[in-house]
Protein backbone atom coordinates (compact mmCIF):
# COMPACT_ATOMS: atom_id res chain seq x y z
CA MET A 1 -26.15 56.88 -162.64
CA GLU A 2 -23.56 54.30 -162.50
CA ARG A 3 -24.88 51.20 -161.43
CA SER A 4 -23.90 48.39 -159.26
CA ILE A 5 -25.33 44.87 -158.59
CA ILE A 6 -24.78 42.49 -155.57
CA SER A 7 -21.11 40.69 -154.42
CA ARG A 8 -22.10 36.86 -155.26
CA VAL A 9 -18.58 35.89 -154.05
CA VAL A 10 -19.00 34.41 -150.55
CA GLY A 11 -15.68 35.95 -149.01
CA GLU A 12 -12.51 34.78 -147.38
CA GLN A 13 -13.66 32.41 -145.16
CA SER A 14 -14.99 30.46 -147.51
CA LYS A 15 -12.65 27.75 -149.15
CA GLY A 16 -15.33 26.66 -151.88
CA GLU A 17 -16.74 23.21 -152.19
CA ARG A 18 -14.52 20.31 -153.60
CA LEU A 19 -17.03 20.12 -156.82
CA GLN A 20 -15.80 23.45 -157.63
CA ARG A 21 -12.64 22.97 -157.63
CA LEU A 22 -12.69 20.13 -159.72
CA ARG A 23 -14.55 21.66 -162.38
CA ALA A 24 -12.28 24.57 -162.10
CA ILE A 25 -9.53 21.92 -162.49
CA GLN A 26 -11.13 20.03 -165.09
CA LEU A 27 -11.71 23.49 -167.23
CA ILE A 28 -8.02 24.36 -166.85
CA PHE A 29 -7.56 20.97 -168.62
CA ASP A 30 -10.03 20.87 -171.45
CA GLU A 31 -8.80 24.30 -172.71
CA LEU A 32 -5.17 22.83 -172.78
CA GLU A 33 -6.50 19.81 -174.59
CA LYS A 34 -7.94 22.20 -177.13
CA ALA A 35 -4.67 24.64 -178.00
CA PRO A 36 -1.17 23.97 -176.34
CA ASN A 37 -0.34 27.53 -176.40
CA ILE A 38 -3.62 28.86 -175.10
CA SER A 39 -3.19 31.19 -171.81
CA VAL A 40 -5.64 30.16 -169.08
CA LEU A 41 -6.59 31.56 -165.64
CA VAL A 42 -9.31 30.02 -162.96
CA ALA A 43 -10.78 30.74 -159.77
CA CYS A 44 -13.82 29.89 -157.50
CA GLU A 45 -15.89 32.13 -156.39
CA TYR A 46 -14.93 35.07 -158.49
CA ILE A 47 -17.86 36.36 -159.61
CA GLU A 48 -19.75 32.83 -159.72
CA ASP A 49 -18.72 29.24 -158.13
CA VAL A 50 -16.04 29.09 -161.26
CA TYR A 51 -14.62 31.33 -163.28
CA LEU A 52 -12.31 30.58 -166.66
CA ASN A 53 -10.46 33.14 -168.88
CA THR A 54 -8.87 31.93 -171.65
CA SER A 55 -6.89 34.03 -174.25
CA ASP A 56 -4.76 32.70 -177.34
CA GLY A 57 -1.85 34.03 -179.35
CA ASP A 58 -3.59 35.77 -181.61
CA GLY A 59 -5.48 38.22 -179.51
CA LYS A 60 -8.85 36.43 -179.04
CA SER A 61 -9.78 35.86 -175.47
CA SER A 62 -13.31 34.26 -174.07
CA GLU A 63 -15.05 34.28 -170.16
CA TYR A 64 -16.85 31.90 -169.02
CA LEU A 65 -18.70 31.80 -165.74
CA GLU A 66 -20.06 28.55 -163.94
CA SER A 67 -22.63 27.37 -160.86
CA ASP A 68 -22.15 24.68 -159.77
CA LYS A 69 -24.54 22.60 -157.70
CA SER A 70 -24.03 19.10 -156.01
CA TYR A 71 -26.63 17.23 -154.24
CA GLU A 72 -27.87 13.25 -153.53
CA SER A 73 -30.96 13.13 -154.87
CA LYS A 74 -32.29 16.73 -155.46
CA CYS A 75 -33.67 17.86 -158.89
CA PHE A 76 -34.19 20.94 -160.33
CA SER A 77 -37.13 22.95 -161.88
CA LEU A 78 -36.85 26.83 -163.61
CA ASN A 79 -38.62 27.62 -160.04
CA SER A 80 -36.14 26.21 -158.13
CA ASP A 81 -33.88 28.55 -155.97
CA GLU A 82 -30.63 27.20 -157.10
CA VAL A 83 -31.35 28.02 -161.06
CA LYS A 84 -32.82 31.54 -160.08
CA ASN A 85 -30.56 32.90 -158.13
CA SER A 86 -28.17 31.55 -160.82
CA LEU A 87 -30.24 33.45 -163.79
CA VAL A 88 -30.32 36.35 -161.70
CA SER A 89 -26.64 36.04 -161.23
CA PHE A 90 -26.16 35.58 -164.80
CA LEU A 91 -28.55 38.61 -165.82
CA ASP A 92 -26.10 40.86 -163.46
CA VAL A 93 -23.00 39.66 -165.22
CA PHE A 94 -24.70 39.95 -168.74
CA LEU A 95 -25.44 43.57 -168.22
CA HIS A 96 -22.85 44.63 -166.03
CA TYR A 97 -19.31 43.08 -167.42
CA GLY A 98 -20.22 42.61 -170.73
CA HIS A 99 -23.03 40.41 -173.30
CA HIS A 100 -19.75 38.06 -174.41
CA ILE A 101 -19.45 36.38 -171.00
CA ARG A 102 -20.69 32.87 -171.23
CA PHE A 103 -22.20 30.98 -168.61
CA GLY A 104 -22.77 27.20 -167.49
CA PHE A 105 -25.21 25.36 -164.87
CA TYR A 106 -23.35 22.10 -164.02
CA THR A 107 -24.97 19.62 -161.39
CA ASN A 108 -25.11 15.94 -161.32
CA THR A 109 -28.98 15.74 -160.51
CA GLY A 110 -31.66 16.17 -163.38
CA ILE A 111 -34.52 18.07 -163.73
CA THR A 112 -38.48 17.87 -162.41
CA ASN A 113 -42.28 19.12 -163.03
CA GLU A 114 -42.81 22.52 -162.36
CA ARG A 115 -45.37 23.12 -159.87
CA THR A 116 -47.85 25.76 -160.56
CA THR A 117 -47.47 28.87 -158.00
CA GLU A 118 -49.30 31.87 -157.06
CA LEU A 119 -47.20 33.77 -158.91
CA LEU A 120 -48.12 32.26 -162.05
CA LYS A 121 -51.96 31.69 -161.14
CA GLN A 122 -51.90 35.98 -160.90
CA ASN A 123 -50.15 36.06 -164.32
CA LYS A 124 -52.40 33.58 -165.80
CA LEU A 125 -49.76 31.32 -166.90
CA GLU A 126 -50.75 27.48 -166.90
CA LEU A 127 -48.20 25.33 -167.15
CA PRO A 128 -47.44 23.47 -170.49
CA ASP A 129 -46.95 19.64 -170.61
CA LYS A 130 -43.57 19.66 -171.20
CA GLU A 131 -40.77 21.11 -168.05
CA LEU A 132 -39.74 24.54 -168.32
CA MET A 133 -36.33 23.46 -167.82
CA LEU A 134 -36.62 21.06 -170.65
CA LEU A 135 -38.31 23.75 -172.98
CA LEU A 136 -35.51 26.19 -171.73
CA MET A 137 -32.81 23.63 -172.52
CA ASN A 138 -34.05 23.10 -175.95
CA LYS A 139 -34.66 26.65 -177.09
CA GLU A 140 -38.23 26.45 -177.09
CA TYR A 141 -37.75 30.39 -176.14
CA VAL A 142 -41.73 31.20 -177.65
CA THR A 143 -43.10 28.87 -175.44
CA VAL A 144 -40.86 29.34 -172.27
CA LEU A 145 -40.10 33.35 -172.29
CA PRO A 146 -43.39 34.10 -170.51
CA TYR A 147 -42.83 31.97 -167.65
CA LEU A 148 -39.09 32.72 -167.61
CA LYS A 149 -39.52 36.70 -167.57
CA CYS A 150 -42.28 36.31 -164.93
CA ILE A 151 -40.46 34.14 -162.21
CA LEU A 152 -36.98 36.08 -163.23
CA LEU A 153 -38.68 39.52 -162.93
CA GLU A 154 -40.30 38.67 -159.52
CA ASP A 155 -37.02 37.19 -158.34
CA TYR A 156 -35.20 39.85 -159.20
CA ARG A 157 -37.03 42.35 -157.00
CA LYS A 158 -37.08 40.42 -154.30
CA GLN A 159 -33.17 39.81 -154.34
CA TYR A 160 -32.50 43.45 -154.57
CA VAL A 161 -34.78 44.50 -151.44
CA GLY A 162 -33.23 46.33 -148.64
CA LYS A 163 -29.81 46.10 -150.74
CA ASN A 164 -27.39 49.42 -151.55
CA ALA A 165 -26.90 47.82 -154.81
CA THR A 166 -29.43 49.32 -157.82
CA GLY A 167 -28.94 46.60 -160.28
CA TYR A 168 -30.58 46.68 -163.64
CA LEU A 169 -34.11 45.95 -162.93
CA HIS A 170 -35.66 48.87 -164.78
CA VAL A 171 -33.55 47.96 -167.56
CA ILE A 172 -34.63 44.15 -167.77
CA GLU A 173 -37.91 45.12 -167.57
CA LYS A 174 -37.73 46.75 -170.88
CA TYR A 175 -35.70 43.88 -172.19
CA SER A 176 -37.39 42.28 -175.81
CA ASP A 177 -37.89 38.72 -176.47
CA ASP A 178 -34.59 39.12 -178.56
CA LEU A 179 -32.43 40.51 -176.24
CA TRP A 180 -33.85 37.64 -173.63
CA ILE A 181 -33.26 35.06 -176.46
CA GLN A 182 -29.92 36.54 -176.86
CA PHE A 183 -28.80 36.56 -172.68
CA LEU A 184 -30.36 32.74 -172.82
CA GLU A 185 -28.18 31.71 -175.87
CA GLN A 186 -25.02 32.21 -173.61
CA ILE A 187 -26.06 29.67 -171.33
CA ASN A 188 -25.00 26.38 -171.27
CA TRP A 189 -27.47 23.68 -168.93
CA LYS A 190 -25.41 21.00 -168.06
CA PHE A 191 -27.49 18.39 -166.01
CA GLU A 192 -26.92 14.98 -164.83
CA GLU A 193 -23.35 15.28 -165.10
CA GLU A 194 -20.46 13.54 -162.80
CA ASP A 195 -20.20 14.05 -159.31
CA GLU A 196 -17.33 14.66 -157.34
CA ASN A 197 -16.39 10.97 -157.43
CA GLU A 198 -16.97 10.69 -161.09
CA LEU A 199 -15.00 13.55 -162.14
CA GLU A 200 -12.25 13.21 -160.11
CA LEU A 201 -11.48 9.62 -162.05
CA THR A 202 -11.42 11.69 -165.09
CA LEU A 203 -9.41 13.93 -164.11
CA LEU A 204 -6.81 11.24 -163.21
CA LEU A 205 -7.24 10.18 -167.54
CA LYS A 206 -6.85 14.28 -168.10
CA VAL A 207 -3.63 14.53 -166.16
CA LYS A 208 -2.61 11.37 -167.79
CA ASN A 209 -3.10 12.83 -171.31
CA CYS A 210 -2.00 16.94 -170.51
CA ARG A 211 0.60 17.90 -173.08
CA LEU A 212 2.67 18.54 -169.87
CA TYR A 213 2.63 14.77 -169.07
CA ASP A 214 6.05 13.77 -170.82
CA THR A 215 8.20 16.91 -169.93
CA VAL A 216 8.22 15.06 -166.10
CA SER A 217 7.88 11.66 -164.70
CA VAL A 218 4.67 11.69 -162.71
CA SER A 219 3.47 8.63 -163.72
CA GLY A 220 1.32 7.28 -160.68
CA LYS A 221 1.34 10.24 -159.12
CA GLU A 222 -1.61 11.83 -161.31
CA GLN A 223 -4.02 11.81 -157.95
CA TYR A 224 -0.95 13.89 -155.99
CA ILE A 225 -1.12 15.88 -159.06
CA ILE A 226 -5.19 16.71 -158.42
CA ASP A 227 -4.60 17.09 -154.78
CA ALA A 228 -2.16 19.71 -155.14
CA LEU A 229 -4.37 21.89 -157.85
CA ASP A 230 -7.29 20.81 -155.25
CA LYS A 231 -5.37 22.48 -152.25
CA GLU A 232 -3.88 25.47 -153.91
CA LEU A 233 -7.15 26.61 -155.12
CA GLU A 234 -8.30 26.34 -151.45
CA LYS A 235 -5.66 28.04 -150.23
CA ARG A 236 -6.32 31.11 -152.36
CA GLN A 237 -9.77 30.91 -151.53
CA ALA A 238 -8.23 32.97 -148.11
CA HIS A 239 -7.10 36.10 -150.54
CA LYS A 240 -9.57 39.05 -150.41
CA ASP A 241 -8.95 40.29 -153.49
CA PRO A 242 -10.38 37.72 -156.19
CA LEU A 243 -7.65 38.42 -158.23
CA HIS A 244 -5.35 36.27 -155.96
CA ARG A 245 -7.45 33.83 -156.32
CA LEU A 246 -6.93 32.71 -159.57
CA ILE A 247 -4.64 30.01 -161.25
CA ASN A 248 -3.14 29.75 -164.70
CA THR A 249 -1.14 27.61 -167.07
CA ASP A 250 1.74 27.94 -164.95
CA THR A 251 0.42 26.46 -161.73
CA ILE A 252 -0.10 23.50 -163.58
CA ARG A 253 3.02 23.33 -165.02
CA THR A 254 4.57 24.00 -161.62
CA LYS A 255 2.51 21.24 -159.72
CA PHE A 256 3.79 19.10 -162.55
CA LEU A 257 7.53 20.18 -161.80
CA GLU A 258 7.12 19.33 -158.06
CA ILE A 259 5.74 16.27 -158.03
CA GLY A 260 7.76 15.17 -160.46
CA ASN A 261 10.58 15.95 -158.80
CA ASN A 262 9.69 15.57 -155.48
CA VAL A 263 10.02 18.97 -154.45
CA ALA A 264 6.06 19.03 -153.18
CA THR A 265 6.45 16.29 -150.63
CA SER A 266 9.93 17.33 -148.74
CA LYS A 267 8.48 15.92 -145.36
CA PRO A 268 9.11 12.22 -144.80
CA LEU A 269 6.67 9.87 -144.26
CA ASP A 270 5.44 9.16 -140.44
CA PRO A 271 6.52 5.82 -139.66
CA CYS A 272 3.59 4.80 -137.33
CA TYR A 273 2.11 3.41 -140.56
CA GLU A 274 3.80 0.38 -139.08
CA ASP A 275 1.71 0.64 -135.82
CA TRP A 276 -1.86 0.82 -138.00
CA ASP A 277 -0.51 -2.50 -139.81
CA SER A 278 -0.01 -4.18 -136.51
CA MET A 279 -2.61 -3.01 -135.03
CA GLU A 280 -5.28 -5.74 -133.52
CA LYS A 281 -8.38 -4.89 -135.17
CA PRO A 282 -10.77 -4.45 -132.58
CA PHE A 283 -14.44 -6.84 -132.77
CA ASP A 284 -17.24 -5.02 -133.00
CA GLY A 285 -19.48 -5.60 -135.79
CA ARG A 286 -21.75 -2.46 -135.36
CA ASP A 287 -22.17 0.03 -138.72
CA ILE A 288 -21.96 3.61 -137.52
CA ASN A 289 -25.91 3.81 -137.46
CA SER A 290 -25.95 0.88 -134.63
CA LYS A 291 -23.51 2.44 -132.72
CA ILE A 292 -25.34 5.96 -132.45
CA LYS A 293 -28.28 4.56 -131.88
CA ASP A 294 -27.37 2.32 -128.92
CA VAL A 295 -25.82 5.60 -126.90
CA SER A 296 -29.02 8.00 -128.57
CA PRO A 297 -32.15 5.97 -129.81
CA ASP A 298 -33.67 9.61 -130.38
CA TYR A 299 -31.51 10.54 -132.92
CA ASP A 300 -32.63 11.21 -136.53
CA ASP A 301 -32.54 8.26 -139.14
CA THR A 302 -32.54 10.34 -142.19
CA THR A 303 -28.56 11.80 -140.94
CA PHE A 304 -27.49 8.21 -141.45
CA GLU A 305 -27.92 8.94 -145.58
CA VAL A 306 -25.65 12.16 -145.21
CA PHE A 307 -23.25 9.59 -143.04
CA ALA A 308 -23.19 6.57 -145.89
CA ARG A 309 -22.85 8.70 -149.09
CA LYS A 310 -19.70 10.82 -146.83
CA ILE A 311 -17.96 7.31 -145.66
CA GLY A 312 -18.17 6.29 -149.19
CA SER A 313 -16.71 9.19 -150.70
CA ILE A 314 -14.04 8.60 -148.28
CA LYS A 315 -13.22 5.36 -149.01
CA THR A 316 -12.73 6.02 -152.21
CA GLN A 317 -10.32 8.61 -151.83
CA LEU A 318 -8.30 6.67 -149.28
CA ARG A 319 -7.69 4.11 -151.90
CA ARG A 320 -6.36 6.53 -154.29
CA VAL A 321 -3.59 7.54 -151.47
CA GLN A 322 -0.50 4.90 -151.28
CA HIS A 323 -0.31 2.32 -148.51
CA GLN A 324 1.84 3.50 -146.22
CA ALA A 325 0.56 7.24 -146.37
CA ARG A 326 -3.01 6.19 -145.61
CA GLY A 327 -1.96 4.04 -143.06
CA ALA A 328 -0.45 6.58 -140.97
CA TYR A 329 -2.64 8.61 -141.74
CA LEU A 330 -5.52 6.79 -140.03
CA TYR A 331 -3.08 6.00 -137.27
CA ARG A 332 -2.62 9.78 -136.36
CA VAL A 333 -7.01 10.15 -136.81
CA PHE A 334 -7.41 6.98 -134.82
CA GLU A 335 -5.54 7.82 -131.40
CA ALA A 336 -6.58 11.30 -131.54
CA CYS A 337 -10.29 10.55 -131.24
CA GLU A 338 -9.64 6.94 -129.14
CA GLU A 339 -8.14 9.41 -126.38
CA GLN A 340 -11.31 11.50 -126.49
CA LEU A 341 -13.70 8.98 -126.57
CA ILE A 342 -11.82 6.92 -123.67
CA ARG A 343 -10.99 10.15 -121.54
CA ILE A 344 -14.63 11.69 -121.89
CA VAL A 345 -17.31 9.72 -123.86
CA HIS A 346 -17.31 6.31 -122.58
CA LYS A 347 -17.55 8.01 -118.94
CA GLN A 348 -21.04 9.12 -120.20
CA THR A 349 -22.27 6.43 -121.88
CA GLN A 350 -21.74 3.95 -118.95
CA LYS A 351 -24.01 6.25 -117.56
CA SER A 352 -26.99 6.58 -119.66
CA THR A 353 -28.33 7.32 -123.19
CA VAL A 354 -28.18 11.18 -124.30
CA GLU A 355 -29.68 13.79 -126.39
CA PRO A 356 -28.94 13.72 -129.94
CA SER A 357 -27.35 16.87 -129.75
CA VAL A 358 -24.82 15.47 -127.27
CA VAL A 359 -23.56 12.87 -130.03
CA ASP A 360 -23.37 15.38 -132.81
CA ASP A 361 -21.32 17.62 -130.16
CA TRP A 362 -18.97 14.95 -129.48
CA ILE A 363 -18.28 14.33 -133.65
CA GLU A 364 -17.30 17.82 -133.52
CA MET A 365 -14.55 17.37 -130.49
CA LEU A 366 -13.26 13.89 -132.45
CA VAL A 367 -12.87 16.63 -135.59
CA ARG A 368 -11.06 19.11 -133.31
CA SER A 369 -8.89 17.00 -131.62
CA ALA A 370 -7.86 14.92 -134.82
CA ILE A 371 -7.13 17.97 -137.13
CA ALA A 372 -5.26 19.65 -134.11
CA HIS A 373 -3.26 16.31 -133.83
CA ILE A 374 -2.71 16.13 -137.64
CA GLU A 375 -1.78 19.74 -137.30
CA ASP A 376 0.57 19.23 -134.86
CA TRP A 377 2.18 15.88 -136.28
CA GLY A 378 2.49 17.87 -139.54
CA LYS A 379 5.22 19.74 -138.60
CA ASP A 380 7.52 16.79 -139.07
CA TYR A 381 5.63 14.75 -141.52
CA ASN A 382 3.86 14.45 -144.47
CA TYR A 383 -0.13 13.70 -144.50
CA PRO A 384 -2.70 13.23 -147.81
CA PHE A 385 -5.59 14.68 -145.63
CA ARG A 386 -5.63 18.04 -144.06
CA SER A 387 -9.30 19.65 -144.46
CA GLU A 388 -11.66 19.78 -142.04
CA ASN A 389 -14.19 17.68 -143.99
CA ALA A 390 -11.86 14.95 -144.94
CA VAL A 391 -11.07 14.41 -141.37
CA ARG A 392 -14.77 14.25 -140.51
CA ASP A 393 -15.53 11.82 -143.10
CA THR A 394 -12.59 9.84 -142.02
CA ILE A 395 -13.87 9.46 -138.26
CA TYR A 396 -17.36 8.61 -139.76
CA GLU A 397 -15.62 5.48 -141.64
CA LEU A 398 -13.48 4.86 -138.37
CA ILE A 399 -16.77 4.65 -136.81
CA ASN A 400 -18.53 2.63 -139.41
CA SER A 401 -16.06 0.06 -139.31
CA CYS A 402 -14.61 -1.49 -136.26
CA TYR A 403 -12.36 1.15 -134.86
CA LEU A 404 -14.09 3.57 -132.95
CA ALA A 405 -17.54 3.87 -130.65
CA PHE A 406 -18.99 5.94 -128.32
CA ASP A 407 -19.43 3.58 -126.32
CA ARG A 408 -17.34 0.42 -124.55
CA ARG A 409 -18.02 -2.97 -125.33
CA ASN A 410 -16.86 -5.80 -123.43
């Protein structure tokens, strides 16, 4: 019987997380550092979060799949859903595509203690003193294998319930310890690694040190190359055929040439940066937390932690954009949002406070309006950001600073 496995590619509507795209870019630069004549292919959400294929001039090739997880504070145990899902996926690939494939689990957070579960109790497995993930990372397989097999086999069964795919459960159930170890030896566990912001700084150095750097003058344009590659990977997520999501060494070379020769930015700069520079800064000392609480006292305080993280991230990205391009972009987002606030929101907040869901609806309205505004002006001018996430985080920052508010203060 021909076996099949669950497809874990999210699909054409998924554009991939930024961490995945930055990791894909990092991996291709890492390979270029190792050998100047190597052929490299990378993609996001092809089989796994990140796919890497390398081939040298001697006919040697390798494949690597990576699962990427980005969290503010969450740590992982062997029984965490993210770890179990990744291991089940790795097992499927190991059996379906070949034992030669290497795997990686990459996250900016660390590991935590395991909790005793009913499953472990039923199998009379008492937790050891060390964390199971630490045992796995240290390759103490004799100790960790009974727990790993118990947890993974149960999770594998659950994942295939009601699925048309056959899977390899009957094969895995008969796995010897030697075969389990052979599989686990293919996995590289990467905990407490760089987050998106730290990774972007690392990539700036990698661009500067890339062997393509001396072929064209891109000094001071390193961030543009990273952004161009990021957008290229994001754009290719729309392709139904996963193979069309791949970028290669030639893509890197093309972006160097386009940006070095100013081909990639053929549209002029929007002169409205002058309006941003000359605009009188409104006086409103409140941050985003206070501005929301003033119009919606019941708004969930824990959401402000998310806002703070996103604001910090977009501020870092905005600082890396040239002054005039940054000013033009901020002005267009500001004027689109200000119009909606004056026309709709301020009229409501003059009368009474509102439910938290109303504030969320307002924010989505501002995001839609700003994106449409940027897209329209983008027919004539070039802007550093266009993605929904970037525009939304920019709006958070404009609210957090003095520029935008849900109510009008005299």
